[in-house]
Protein backbone atom coordinates (compact mmCIF):
# COMPACT_ATOMS: atom_id res chain seq x y z
CA ASN A 1 -10.33 40.04 -3.88
CA PHE A 2 -11.36 36.51 -4.79
CA TYR A 3 -7.82 35.21 -4.32
CA ASN A 4 -7.91 36.38 -0.73
CA SER A 5 -11.33 35.06 0.22
CA GLY A 6 -10.06 31.77 1.66
CA LEU A 7 -12.41 29.56 -0.37
CA ILE A 8 -9.66 27.19 -1.43
CA MET A 9 -6.10 27.17 -0.16
CA ALA A 10 -2.93 26.61 -2.17
CA ASP A 11 -2.27 23.21 -0.58
CA GLU A 12 -5.77 22.07 -1.55
CA ILE A 13 -5.17 23.08 -5.17
CA THR A 14 -1.90 21.17 -5.08
CA LEU A 15 -3.73 18.09 -3.83
CA LEU A 16 -6.29 18.38 -6.64
CA ILE A 17 -3.58 18.33 -9.34
CA LEU A 18 -1.44 15.77 -7.55
CA LEU A 19 -2.51 12.74 -9.59
CA PRO A 20 -1.71 14.19 -13.03
CA CYS A 21 1.61 15.56 -11.76
CA LEU A 22 2.69 12.31 -10.11
CA ASP A 23 1.62 10.34 -13.15
CA ALA A 24 3.56 12.59 -15.54
CA LEU A 25 6.64 12.40 -13.32
CA ARG A 26 6.43 8.61 -13.08
CA VAL A 27 6.08 8.21 -16.85
CA VAL A 28 8.95 10.61 -17.63
CA VAL A 29 11.26 8.81 -15.19
CA LEU A 30 10.29 5.43 -16.68
CA ARG A 31 10.97 6.64 -20.20
CA ILE A 32 14.37 8.07 -19.29
CA TYR A 33 15.22 4.86 -17.41
CA ASN A 34 14.32 2.86 -20.55
CA ASN A 35 16.52 5.16 -22.71
CA LYS A 36 13.52 6.68 -24.49
CA SER A 37 12.69 10.32 -25.04
CA PRO A 38 10.55 11.77 -22.22
CA PHE A 39 8.23 13.04 -24.96
CA HIS A 40 7.81 9.64 -26.62
CA PRO A 41 4.12 8.61 -26.56
CA ASP A 42 3.18 5.32 -24.95
CA LYS A 43 0.39 3.69 -22.95
CA LEU A 44 2.03 3.94 -19.50
CA HIS A 45 -0.13 6.72 -18.09
CA PHE A 46 -2.41 5.88 -15.19
CA HIS A 47 -5.62 6.27 -17.21
CA HIS A 48 -4.30 3.83 -19.85
CA LEU A 49 -3.53 1.28 -17.14
CA ILE A 50 -7.06 1.67 -15.79
CA GLN A 51 -8.49 1.47 -19.31
CA LYS A 52 -6.93 -1.97 -19.77
CA LYS A 53 -9.04 -3.23 -16.86
CA PHE A 54 -12.32 -1.29 -17.17
CA ASP A 55 -14.66 0.22 -19.77
CA ASN A 56 -14.20 3.87 -20.75
CA GLN A 57 -17.05 5.11 -18.56
CA TYR A 58 -15.62 3.35 -15.52
CA THR A 59 -12.11 4.53 -16.37
CA PHE A 60 -13.24 8.13 -16.14
CA LEU A 61 -15.13 7.52 -12.91
CA PHE A 62 -12.24 5.63 -11.30
CA TYR A 63 -9.75 8.32 -12.37
CA LEU A 64 -11.99 11.12 -11.12
CA ILE A 65 -12.50 9.48 -7.74
CA PHE A 66 -8.79 8.76 -7.50
CA ALA A 67 -7.92 12.36 -8.46
CA VAL A 68 -10.08 13.95 -5.74
CA THR A 69 -9.06 11.45 -3.05
CA PRO A 70 -6.11 13.53 -1.77
CA TYR A 71 -8.33 16.60 -1.44
CA LEU A 72 -11.02 14.62 0.38
CA LEU A 73 -8.40 13.10 2.69
CA SER A 74 -7.09 16.58 3.46
CA GLN A 75 -10.53 17.55 4.76
CA VAL A 76 -10.24 15.00 7.58
CA LEU A 77 -6.44 14.82 7.92
CA TYR A 78 -3.55 17.24 7.66
CA SER A 79 -2.61 18.05 4.05
CA TYR A 80 0.87 16.58 4.32
CA LEU A 81 -0.55 13.35 5.75
CA ALA A 82 -3.12 13.20 2.94
CA PHE A 83 -0.25 13.67 0.48
CA PHE A 84 1.75 10.73 1.86
CA ILE A 85 -1.29 8.46 2.08
CA PHE A 86 -2.22 9.28 -1.50
CA VAL A 87 1.31 8.75 -2.85
CA THR A 88 1.34 5.34 -1.19
CA LEU A 89 -2.11 4.49 -2.53
CA TYR A 90 -1.15 5.67 -6.03
CA SER A 91 2.07 3.63 -5.98
CA VAL A 92 0.37 0.43 -4.85
CA THR A 93 -2.49 0.83 -7.32
CA THR A 94 -0.13 1.51 -10.23
CA ILE A 95 2.00 -1.50 -9.38
CA CYS A 96 -1.10 -3.69 -9.14
CA LEU A 97 -2.43 -2.42 -12.47
CA ILE A 98 0.91 -3.10 -14.16
CA LYS A 99 1.32 -6.56 -12.61
CA LEU A 100 -2.24 -7.67 -13.39
CA LYS A 101 -1.93 -7.34 -17.18
């Protein structure tokens, strides 16, 4: 019973996929707000914003570190607190990346 062994909890899995989910939600809302199809391709995803500022190798590293941050925070804080800290950090970073074109 691997699923019952307690190696990784459901809230930890949620925190590991939080960045891609938040990013997809943000982009879909932006597209709908701008009267575009939610499936219309553009360069508004978080990794594209990072890519405008850094080389490809650093983009991957920055994204990877940013993606595991909520999980790492949850190891020293409560999961819900890690979630709110990460959402705030993601929001501020995204706004800074957009503003610093």
